[in-house]
N, C-alpha and C. Protein backbone atom coordinates (compact mmCIF):
# COMPACT_ATOMS: atom_id res chain seq x y z
N MET A 1 20.38 -31.90 -25.89
CA MET A 1 19.11 -31.52 -26.45
C MET A 1 18.01 -31.83 -25.42
N ALA A 2 17.07 -30.91 -25.28
CA ALA A 2 15.98 -31.08 -24.31
C ALA A 2 15.06 -32.21 -24.73
N LYS A 3 14.48 -32.86 -23.76
CA LYS A 3 13.56 -33.97 -24.03
C LYS A 3 12.14 -33.53 -23.70
N PHE A 4 11.31 -33.45 -24.73
CA PHE A 4 9.90 -33.11 -24.58
C PHE A 4 9.11 -34.27 -25.17
N SER A 5 8.25 -34.88 -24.37
CA SER A 5 7.54 -36.06 -24.84
C SER A 5 6.40 -35.71 -25.80
N VAL A 6 5.64 -34.64 -25.54
CA VAL A 6 4.52 -34.27 -26.40
C VAL A 6 5.00 -33.45 -27.59
N ASN A 7 5.89 -32.51 -27.34
CA ASN A 7 6.38 -31.59 -28.38
C ASN A 7 7.80 -31.97 -28.78
N SER A 8 7.93 -33.06 -29.52
CA SER A 8 9.26 -33.55 -29.88
C SER A 8 10.02 -32.57 -30.77
N HIS A 9 9.31 -31.64 -31.41
CA HIS A 9 9.95 -30.62 -32.25
C HIS A 9 10.60 -29.51 -31.42
N ARG A 10 10.22 -29.42 -30.15
CA ARG A 10 10.73 -28.34 -29.28
C ARG A 10 12.15 -28.64 -28.84
N LEU A 11 13.04 -27.68 -29.03
CA LEU A 11 14.43 -27.83 -28.64
C LEU A 11 14.81 -26.93 -27.48
N ASP A 12 14.04 -25.87 -27.28
CA ASP A 12 14.40 -24.86 -26.28
C ASP A 12 13.72 -25.13 -24.94
N PRO A 13 14.41 -24.89 -23.84
CA PRO A 13 13.76 -24.99 -22.52
C PRO A 13 12.80 -23.82 -22.32
N TYR A 14 12.00 -23.89 -21.27
CA TYR A 14 11.03 -22.82 -20.99
C TYR A 14 11.74 -21.58 -20.45
N LYS A 15 11.17 -20.44 -20.76
CA LYS A 15 11.75 -19.16 -20.32
C LYS A 15 11.38 -18.92 -18.85
N ASN A 16 12.28 -18.25 -18.14
CA ASN A 16 12.05 -18.06 -16.70
C ASN A 16 11.20 -16.84 -16.37
N PHE A 17 10.77 -16.07 -17.36
CA PHE A 17 9.96 -14.90 -17.06
C PHE A 17 8.48 -15.13 -17.32
N ARG A 18 8.11 -16.36 -17.66
CA ARG A 18 6.69 -16.68 -17.88
C ARG A 18 6.26 -17.65 -16.78
N PHE A 19 5.69 -17.12 -15.73
CA PHE A 19 5.28 -17.93 -14.59
C PHE A 19 4.17 -17.23 -13.83
N ARG A 20 3.49 -17.98 -12.99
CA ARG A 20 2.52 -17.38 -12.07
C ARG A 20 2.52 -18.21 -10.80
N VAL A 21 2.13 -17.54 -9.71
CA VAL A 21 2.15 -18.15 -8.38
C VAL A 21 0.77 -18.02 -7.76
N ARG A 22 0.34 -19.11 -7.16
CA ARG A 22 -0.94 -19.16 -6.47
C ARG A 22 -0.68 -19.45 -5.00
N ILE A 23 -1.22 -18.60 -4.12
CA ILE A 23 -1.13 -18.82 -2.68
C ILE A 23 -2.52 -19.20 -2.22
N GLY A 24 -2.65 -20.43 -1.76
CA GLY A 24 -3.99 -20.95 -1.44
C GLY A 24 -4.77 -21.07 -2.74
N THR A 25 -5.83 -20.29 -2.88
CA THR A 25 -6.64 -20.32 -4.10
C THR A 25 -6.50 -19.06 -4.94
N GLU A 26 -5.71 -18.09 -4.47
CA GLU A 26 -5.58 -16.80 -5.16
C GLU A 26 -4.25 -16.68 -5.90
N TYR A 27 -4.32 -16.22 -7.16
CA TYR A 27 -3.10 -15.92 -7.90
C TYR A 27 -2.56 -14.57 -7.42
N VAL A 28 -1.25 -14.46 -7.33
CA VAL A 28 -0.61 -13.25 -6.84
C VAL A 28 -0.60 -12.20 -7.94
N ALA A 29 -1.13 -11.03 -7.63
CA ALA A 29 -1.18 -9.93 -8.59
C ALA A 29 0.15 -9.19 -8.63
N GLY A 30 0.60 -8.82 -9.82
CA GLY A 30 1.77 -7.97 -9.98
C GLY A 30 3.10 -8.62 -9.64
N LEU A 31 3.16 -9.94 -9.56
CA LEU A 31 4.39 -10.63 -9.18
C LEU A 31 5.45 -10.45 -10.27
N SER A 32 6.65 -10.03 -9.88
CA SER A 32 7.71 -9.81 -10.87
C SER A 32 8.91 -10.73 -10.67
N LYS A 33 9.07 -11.29 -9.47
CA LYS A 33 10.27 -12.09 -9.22
C LYS A 33 10.01 -13.11 -8.12
N MET A 34 10.62 -14.30 -8.30
CA MET A 34 10.57 -15.35 -7.30
C MET A 34 11.96 -15.95 -7.20
N SER A 35 12.43 -16.19 -5.98
CA SER A 35 13.74 -16.81 -5.79
C SER A 35 13.68 -18.28 -6.22
N PRO A 36 14.82 -18.96 -6.36
CA PRO A 36 14.82 -20.35 -6.83
C PRO A 36 14.14 -21.30 -5.84
N LEU A 37 13.53 -22.33 -6.39
CA LEU A 37 12.93 -23.41 -5.61
C LEU A 37 14.03 -24.43 -5.41
N LYS A 38 14.52 -24.55 -4.17
CA LYS A 38 15.76 -25.29 -3.95
C LYS A 38 15.69 -26.21 -2.73
N ARG A 39 16.18 -27.44 -2.93
CA ARG A 39 16.31 -28.43 -1.84
C ARG A 39 17.78 -28.82 -1.76
N THR A 40 18.30 -28.91 -0.54
CA THR A 40 19.68 -29.32 -0.31
C THR A 40 19.68 -30.47 0.69
N ASN A 41 20.45 -31.49 0.41
CA ASN A 41 20.61 -32.58 1.37
C ASN A 41 21.93 -32.39 2.10
N GLU A 42 21.87 -32.46 3.43
CA GLU A 42 23.09 -32.40 4.22
C GLU A 42 23.91 -33.65 3.93
N VAL A 43 25.21 -33.52 4.08
CA VAL A 43 26.12 -34.64 3.85
C VAL A 43 26.62 -35.15 5.19
N ILE A 44 26.49 -36.45 5.40
CA ILE A 44 27.02 -37.10 6.60
C ILE A 44 28.31 -37.80 6.20
N GLU A 45 29.41 -37.38 6.81
CA GLU A 45 30.71 -38.01 6.52
C GLU A 45 31.07 -38.96 7.66
N TRP A 46 31.61 -40.12 7.33
CA TRP A 46 32.06 -41.07 8.34
C TRP A 46 33.22 -41.88 7.80
N ARG A 47 33.99 -42.38 8.71
CA ARG A 47 35.13 -43.24 8.35
C ARG A 47 34.97 -44.57 9.03
N GLU A 48 35.29 -45.60 8.31
CA GLU A 48 35.21 -46.95 8.84
C GLU A 48 36.53 -47.29 9.51
N ALA A 49 36.45 -47.93 10.68
CA ALA A 49 37.67 -48.33 11.39
C ALA A 49 38.46 -49.30 10.51
N GLY A 50 39.74 -49.08 10.44
CA GLY A 50 40.61 -49.93 9.62
C GLY A 50 40.76 -49.41 8.20
N ASP A 51 39.91 -48.43 7.78
CA ASP A 51 40.00 -47.85 6.44
C ASP A 51 40.15 -46.34 6.62
N ASN A 52 41.26 -45.94 7.25
CA ASN A 52 41.46 -44.53 7.63
C ASN A 52 41.67 -43.58 6.46
N GLY A 53 41.95 -44.10 5.28
CA GLY A 53 42.23 -43.24 4.14
C GLY A 53 41.01 -42.82 3.35
N THR A 54 39.84 -43.40 3.65
CA THR A 54 38.65 -43.11 2.85
C THR A 54 37.54 -42.53 3.72
N VAL A 55 36.99 -41.41 3.29
CA VAL A 55 35.85 -40.82 3.96
C VAL A 55 34.61 -41.19 3.16
N ARG A 56 33.67 -41.82 3.81
CA ARG A 56 32.41 -42.21 3.16
C ARG A 56 31.41 -41.07 3.32
N LYS A 57 30.48 -40.99 2.38
CA LYS A 57 29.47 -39.92 2.44
C LYS A 57 28.09 -40.52 2.25
N LEU A 58 27.16 -40.06 3.10
CA LEU A 58 25.77 -40.49 3.07
C LEU A 58 24.87 -39.27 3.00
N PRO A 59 23.68 -39.43 2.41
CA PRO A 59 22.73 -38.30 2.43
C PRO A 59 22.13 -38.15 3.82
N GLY A 60 22.00 -36.90 4.24
CA GLY A 60 21.40 -36.59 5.54
C GLY A 60 20.05 -35.93 5.37
N ARG A 61 19.74 -35.01 6.27
CA ARG A 61 18.45 -34.32 6.25
C ARG A 61 18.31 -33.43 5.02
N ALA A 62 17.09 -33.33 4.52
CA ALA A 62 16.80 -32.40 3.43
C ALA A 62 16.42 -31.05 4.03
N LYS A 63 16.95 -29.99 3.43
CA LYS A 63 16.62 -28.63 3.85
C LYS A 63 16.09 -27.88 2.64
N PHE A 64 15.10 -27.03 2.86
CA PHE A 64 14.50 -26.27 1.78
C PHE A 64 14.79 -24.80 2.01
N GLU A 65 15.35 -24.16 0.99
CA GLU A 65 15.70 -22.75 1.08
C GLU A 65 14.44 -21.90 1.00
N ALA A 66 14.37 -20.85 1.79
CA ALA A 66 13.20 -19.97 1.80
C ALA A 66 12.95 -19.38 0.42
N LEU A 67 11.69 -19.15 0.12
CA LEU A 67 11.31 -18.50 -1.14
C LEU A 67 11.02 -17.04 -0.89
N THR A 68 11.44 -16.20 -1.81
CA THR A 68 11.15 -14.77 -1.73
C THR A 68 10.37 -14.36 -2.96
N PHE A 69 9.25 -13.69 -2.73
CA PHE A 69 8.42 -13.18 -3.82
C PHE A 69 8.49 -11.66 -3.81
N GLU A 70 8.65 -11.06 -4.99
CA GLU A 70 8.66 -9.61 -5.12
C GLU A 70 7.60 -9.19 -6.11
N ARG A 71 6.93 -8.10 -5.77
CA ARG A 71 5.94 -7.56 -6.69
C ARG A 71 5.86 -6.06 -6.51
N GLY A 72 5.37 -5.39 -7.55
CA GLY A 72 5.12 -3.97 -7.43
C GLY A 72 3.99 -3.75 -6.44
N VAL A 73 4.05 -2.65 -5.70
CA VAL A 73 3.02 -2.35 -4.71
C VAL A 73 1.68 -2.16 -5.42
N THR A 74 0.68 -2.90 -4.95
CA THR A 74 -0.67 -2.83 -5.51
C THR A 74 -1.66 -2.66 -4.35
N HIS A 75 -2.94 -2.68 -4.68
CA HIS A 75 -3.97 -2.65 -3.64
C HIS A 75 -4.40 -4.05 -3.24
N ASP A 76 -3.74 -5.08 -3.77
CA ASP A 76 -4.04 -6.46 -3.41
C ASP A 76 -3.50 -6.71 -2.01
N PRO A 77 -4.35 -7.06 -1.05
CA PRO A 77 -3.91 -7.22 0.35
C PRO A 77 -3.33 -8.60 0.70
N LEU A 78 -3.15 -9.49 -0.28
CA LEU A 78 -2.78 -10.87 -0.01
C LEU A 78 -1.52 -11.01 0.85
N PHE A 79 -0.42 -10.33 0.48
CA PHE A 79 0.83 -10.45 1.23
C PHE A 79 0.65 -9.97 2.67
N ASN A 80 0.06 -8.79 2.83
CA ASN A 80 -0.12 -8.21 4.17
C ASN A 80 -1.03 -9.07 5.03
N GLU A 81 -2.12 -9.56 4.48
CA GLU A 81 -3.05 -10.38 5.26
C GLU A 81 -2.40 -11.68 5.70
N TRP A 82 -1.64 -12.33 4.80
CA TRP A 82 -0.99 -13.58 5.17
C TRP A 82 0.07 -13.34 6.24
N ALA A 83 0.88 -12.30 6.06
CA ALA A 83 1.92 -11.98 7.05
C ALA A 83 1.28 -11.68 8.41
N SER A 84 0.13 -11.07 8.43
CA SER A 84 -0.54 -10.74 9.69
C SER A 84 -1.11 -11.96 10.39
N THR A 85 -1.36 -13.06 9.66
CA THR A 85 -1.85 -14.27 10.33
C THR A 85 -0.73 -14.93 11.13
N VAL A 86 0.52 -14.72 10.72
CA VAL A 86 1.66 -15.31 11.43
C VAL A 86 2.03 -14.47 12.63
N ASN A 87 2.09 -13.16 12.45
CA ASN A 87 2.44 -12.25 13.54
C ASN A 87 1.52 -11.05 13.44
N ASN A 88 0.40 -11.13 14.15
CA ASN A 88 -0.61 -10.10 14.07
C ASN A 88 -0.16 -8.85 14.82
N PRO A 89 -0.22 -7.67 14.16
CA PRO A 89 0.22 -6.44 14.82
C PRO A 89 -0.60 -6.06 16.06
N THR A 90 -1.79 -6.65 16.24
CA THR A 90 -2.60 -6.31 17.41
C THR A 90 -2.27 -7.16 18.63
N GLY A 91 -1.33 -8.11 18.49
CA GLY A 91 -0.89 -8.89 19.64
C GLY A 91 -1.00 -10.38 19.42
N ASP A 92 -0.29 -11.14 20.25
CA ASP A 92 -0.23 -12.60 20.11
C ASP A 92 -1.60 -13.27 20.19
N ALA A 93 -2.50 -12.74 20.97
CA ALA A 93 -3.81 -13.36 21.13
C ALA A 93 -4.61 -13.35 19.83
N ALA A 94 -4.27 -12.45 18.91
CA ALA A 94 -5.00 -12.35 17.64
C ALA A 94 -4.38 -13.22 16.54
N ASN A 95 -3.24 -13.88 16.82
CA ASN A 95 -2.60 -14.72 15.80
C ASN A 95 -3.51 -15.88 15.43
N SER A 96 -3.51 -16.22 14.14
CA SER A 96 -4.33 -17.32 13.65
C SER A 96 -3.48 -18.58 13.55
N LEU A 97 -3.78 -19.56 14.35
CA LEU A 97 -3.09 -20.84 14.26
C LEU A 97 -3.73 -21.73 13.21
N LEU A 98 -4.90 -21.34 12.74
CA LEU A 98 -5.65 -22.15 11.80
C LEU A 98 -5.11 -22.06 10.38
N ASP A 99 -4.81 -20.86 9.90
CA ASP A 99 -4.47 -20.73 8.49
C ASP A 99 -3.18 -19.95 8.21
N TYR A 100 -2.24 -19.96 9.14
CA TYR A 100 -0.99 -19.26 8.84
C TYR A 100 -0.12 -20.06 7.89
N ARG A 101 -0.31 -21.38 7.80
CA ARG A 101 0.39 -22.20 6.81
C ARG A 101 -0.50 -22.37 5.59
N ARG A 102 0.09 -22.20 4.42
CA ARG A 102 -0.67 -22.33 3.18
C ARG A 102 0.15 -23.10 2.15
N ASP A 103 -0.54 -23.71 1.23
CA ASP A 103 0.12 -24.36 0.10
C ASP A 103 0.25 -23.34 -1.02
N ILE A 104 1.36 -23.45 -1.75
CA ILE A 104 1.64 -22.53 -2.85
C ILE A 104 1.79 -23.34 -4.12
N GLY A 105 1.26 -22.82 -5.21
CA GLY A 105 1.44 -23.44 -6.51
C GLY A 105 2.26 -22.53 -7.40
N VAL A 106 3.24 -23.09 -8.08
CA VAL A 106 4.05 -22.33 -9.03
C VAL A 106 3.88 -22.97 -10.40
N GLU A 107 3.48 -22.18 -11.38
CA GLU A 107 3.29 -22.68 -12.73
C GLU A 107 4.28 -22.01 -13.67
N VAL A 108 4.98 -22.82 -14.46
CA VAL A 108 5.84 -22.33 -15.52
C VAL A 108 4.99 -22.36 -16.79
N LEU A 109 4.91 -21.23 -17.48
CA LEU A 109 4.06 -21.14 -18.66
C LEU A 109 4.87 -21.25 -19.94
N ASN A 110 4.26 -21.83 -20.98
CA ASN A 110 4.93 -21.87 -22.28
C ASN A 110 4.69 -20.55 -23.01
N ALA A 111 5.16 -20.42 -24.23
CA ALA A 111 5.05 -19.17 -24.99
C ALA A 111 3.59 -18.80 -25.26
N GLN A 112 2.70 -19.78 -25.27
CA GLN A 112 1.28 -19.53 -25.51
C GLN A 112 0.53 -19.18 -24.23
N GLY A 113 1.22 -19.18 -23.08
CA GLY A 113 0.61 -18.82 -21.81
C GLY A 113 -0.08 -19.97 -21.10
N ASN A 114 0.16 -21.21 -21.55
CA ASN A 114 -0.44 -22.38 -20.91
C ASN A 114 0.54 -22.98 -19.91
N PRO A 115 0.04 -23.51 -18.79
CA PRO A 115 0.94 -24.15 -17.82
C PRO A 115 1.65 -25.35 -18.45
N ALA A 116 2.98 -25.35 -18.38
CA ALA A 116 3.78 -26.44 -18.93
C ALA A 116 4.36 -27.31 -17.82
N LEU A 117 4.68 -26.71 -16.70
CA LEU A 117 5.16 -27.40 -15.50
C LEU A 117 4.52 -26.73 -14.30
N ALA A 118 4.32 -27.51 -13.25
CA ALA A 118 3.79 -26.93 -12.02
C ALA A 118 4.41 -27.63 -10.83
N PHE A 119 4.58 -26.88 -9.76
CA PHE A 119 5.13 -27.41 -8.52
C PHE A 119 4.18 -27.08 -7.38
N LYS A 120 4.07 -28.01 -6.43
CA LYS A 120 3.31 -27.81 -5.21
C LYS A 120 4.29 -27.59 -4.07
N ILE A 121 4.13 -26.47 -3.38
CA ILE A 121 4.99 -26.14 -2.24
C ILE A 121 4.13 -26.31 -0.99
N LYS A 122 4.62 -27.10 -0.05
CA LYS A 122 3.81 -27.55 1.08
C LYS A 122 4.08 -26.80 2.37
N ARG A 123 3.01 -26.47 3.07
CA ARG A 123 3.04 -25.94 4.44
C ARG A 123 3.92 -24.70 4.58
N ALA A 124 3.69 -23.74 3.72
CA ALA A 124 4.48 -22.50 3.74
C ALA A 124 3.91 -21.52 4.76
N TRP A 125 4.80 -20.71 5.32
CA TRP A 125 4.41 -19.65 6.24
C TRP A 125 5.35 -18.47 6.07
N VAL A 126 4.87 -17.29 6.40
CA VAL A 126 5.62 -16.05 6.18
C VAL A 126 6.64 -15.85 7.29
N SER A 127 7.91 -15.70 6.90
CA SER A 127 8.95 -15.41 7.89
C SER A 127 9.42 -13.96 7.81
N GLU A 128 9.12 -13.29 6.71
CA GLU A 128 9.54 -11.89 6.57
C GLU A 128 8.62 -11.19 5.57
N TYR A 129 8.22 -9.98 5.89
CA TYR A 129 7.35 -9.20 5.02
C TYR A 129 7.84 -7.77 4.97
N GLN A 130 8.03 -7.26 3.77
CA GLN A 130 8.44 -5.87 3.57
C GLN A 130 7.34 -5.19 2.77
N ALA A 131 6.62 -4.26 3.40
CA ALA A 131 5.47 -3.61 2.78
C ALA A 131 5.87 -2.62 1.69
N LEU A 132 7.00 -1.95 1.85
CA LEU A 132 7.49 -0.97 0.87
C LEU A 132 9.00 -1.07 0.75
N SER A 133 9.49 -0.85 -0.45
CA SER A 133 10.93 -0.75 -0.61
C SER A 133 11.38 0.65 -0.19
N GLU A 134 12.66 0.89 -0.24
CA GLU A 134 13.19 2.21 0.11
C GLU A 134 12.58 3.26 -0.80
N MET A 135 12.14 4.33 -0.22
CA MET A 135 11.56 5.43 -1.00
C MET A 135 12.66 6.44 -1.30
N ASP A 136 12.75 6.84 -2.57
CA ASP A 136 13.81 7.74 -3.02
C ASP A 136 13.25 8.65 -4.10
N ALA A 137 13.14 9.94 -3.80
CA ALA A 137 12.57 10.89 -4.76
C ALA A 137 13.43 11.05 -6.00
N ASN A 138 14.71 10.68 -5.95
CA ASN A 138 15.60 10.79 -7.10
C ASN A 138 15.65 9.52 -7.95
N ALA A 139 14.97 8.47 -7.52
CA ALA A 139 15.03 7.20 -8.24
C ALA A 139 13.98 7.14 -9.35
N ASN A 140 14.20 6.23 -10.27
CA ASN A 140 13.26 5.98 -11.35
C ASN A 140 12.93 4.50 -11.31
N ALA A 141 12.13 4.09 -10.31
CA ALA A 141 11.86 2.68 -10.11
C ALA A 141 10.46 2.47 -9.56
N VAL A 142 10.03 1.23 -9.56
CA VAL A 142 8.74 0.83 -9.01
C VAL A 142 8.94 0.48 -7.54
N SER A 143 8.00 0.84 -6.70
CA SER A 143 8.06 0.46 -5.29
C SER A 143 7.73 -1.03 -5.19
N ILE A 144 8.53 -1.76 -4.42
CA ILE A 144 8.45 -3.22 -4.36
C ILE A 144 7.99 -3.68 -2.99
N GLU A 145 7.08 -4.65 -2.98
CA GLU A 145 6.61 -5.34 -1.78
C GLU A 145 7.24 -6.73 -1.81
N THR A 146 7.77 -7.19 -0.68
CA THR A 146 8.50 -8.46 -0.64
C THR A 146 7.91 -9.38 0.44
N LEU A 147 7.80 -10.66 0.09
CA LEU A 147 7.32 -11.67 1.02
C LEU A 147 8.29 -12.83 1.00
N LYS A 148 8.79 -13.21 2.19
CA LYS A 148 9.69 -14.35 2.31
C LYS A 148 8.96 -15.45 3.05
N VAL A 149 8.96 -16.66 2.48
CA VAL A 149 8.24 -17.77 3.10
C VAL A 149 9.15 -18.97 3.32
N GLU A 150 8.93 -19.64 4.43
CA GLU A 150 9.58 -20.91 4.75
C GLU A 150 8.58 -22.00 4.40
N PHE A 151 9.08 -23.19 4.04
CA PHE A 151 8.17 -24.28 3.70
C PHE A 151 8.81 -25.61 4.02
N GLU A 152 8.02 -26.69 3.93
CA GLU A 152 8.48 -28.00 4.38
C GLU A 152 8.60 -29.02 3.26
N GLY A 153 8.58 -28.60 2.03
CA GLY A 153 8.76 -29.54 0.93
C GLY A 153 8.08 -29.08 -0.33
N PHE A 154 8.50 -29.66 -1.44
CA PHE A 154 7.84 -29.38 -2.71
C PHE A 154 7.89 -30.62 -3.58
N GLU A 155 6.99 -30.65 -4.55
CA GLU A 155 6.96 -31.77 -5.50
C GLU A 155 6.43 -31.28 -6.84
N LEU A 156 6.82 -31.98 -7.87
CA LEU A 156 6.31 -31.71 -9.21
C LEU A 156 4.84 -32.09 -9.24
N ASP A 157 4.00 -31.22 -9.78
CA ASP A 157 2.57 -31.51 -9.88
C ASP A 157 2.33 -32.30 -11.16
N THR A 158 2.17 -33.59 -11.02
CA THR A 158 2.02 -34.47 -12.19
C THR A 158 0.64 -34.36 -12.84
N ALA A 159 -0.29 -33.63 -12.22
CA ALA A 159 -1.61 -33.40 -12.81
C ALA A 159 -1.55 -32.40 -13.96
N VAL A 160 -0.44 -31.65 -14.07
CA VAL A 160 -0.27 -30.69 -15.16
C VAL A 160 0.54 -31.37 -16.25
N PRO A 161 -0.10 -31.75 -17.37
CA PRO A 161 0.63 -32.43 -18.44
C PRO A 161 1.37 -31.43 -19.33
N GLU A 162 2.31 -31.93 -20.11
CA GLU A 162 2.98 -31.08 -21.10
C GLU A 162 1.97 -30.69 -22.15
N PRO A 163 1.74 -29.37 -22.37
CA PRO A 163 0.71 -28.96 -23.33
C PRO A 163 1.19 -29.16 -24.77
N THR A 164 0.25 -29.41 -25.66
CA THR A 164 0.57 -29.53 -27.07
C THR A 164 0.78 -28.12 -27.63
N GLU A 165 1.91 -27.91 -28.29
CA GLU A 165 2.23 -26.59 -28.85
C GLU A 165 2.17 -26.66 -30.37
N THR A 166 1.69 -25.58 -30.96
CA THR A 166 1.63 -25.52 -32.43
C THR A 166 2.56 -24.48 -32.96
């Protein structure tokens, strides 16, 4: 059974389709999908001399898996502008070293649309940008814009309390 401190009557976990993402100070328009927020610790294996039958394991470096954001193509220039600060199409001299890294906020919303959980993603930068998905005149789909970002850590935002639900 789920443990909710404020809403002890709540038994169900939060749904994964109620969320919003903020890059810097702007919320992302038209966002439809985000990859998992994931940290993996490398495993260091070693054997002690004289104890050849046992392999010991220690935690090693933490690695953070890249995040991918997908949204329907809109007139919001946020993805394109951020990707251009990392690799400017006009040449290396135009690259911005000042603001190519940004903090990202991810909010999980409850059924009433209030933030229930939030995460802070630190020092993110764009590693891949897809302005348009494959165009197909025979398809029945929305054109998708994709942004892939690398980052250096995340943490639970403890400033966002569990909201009271009625």
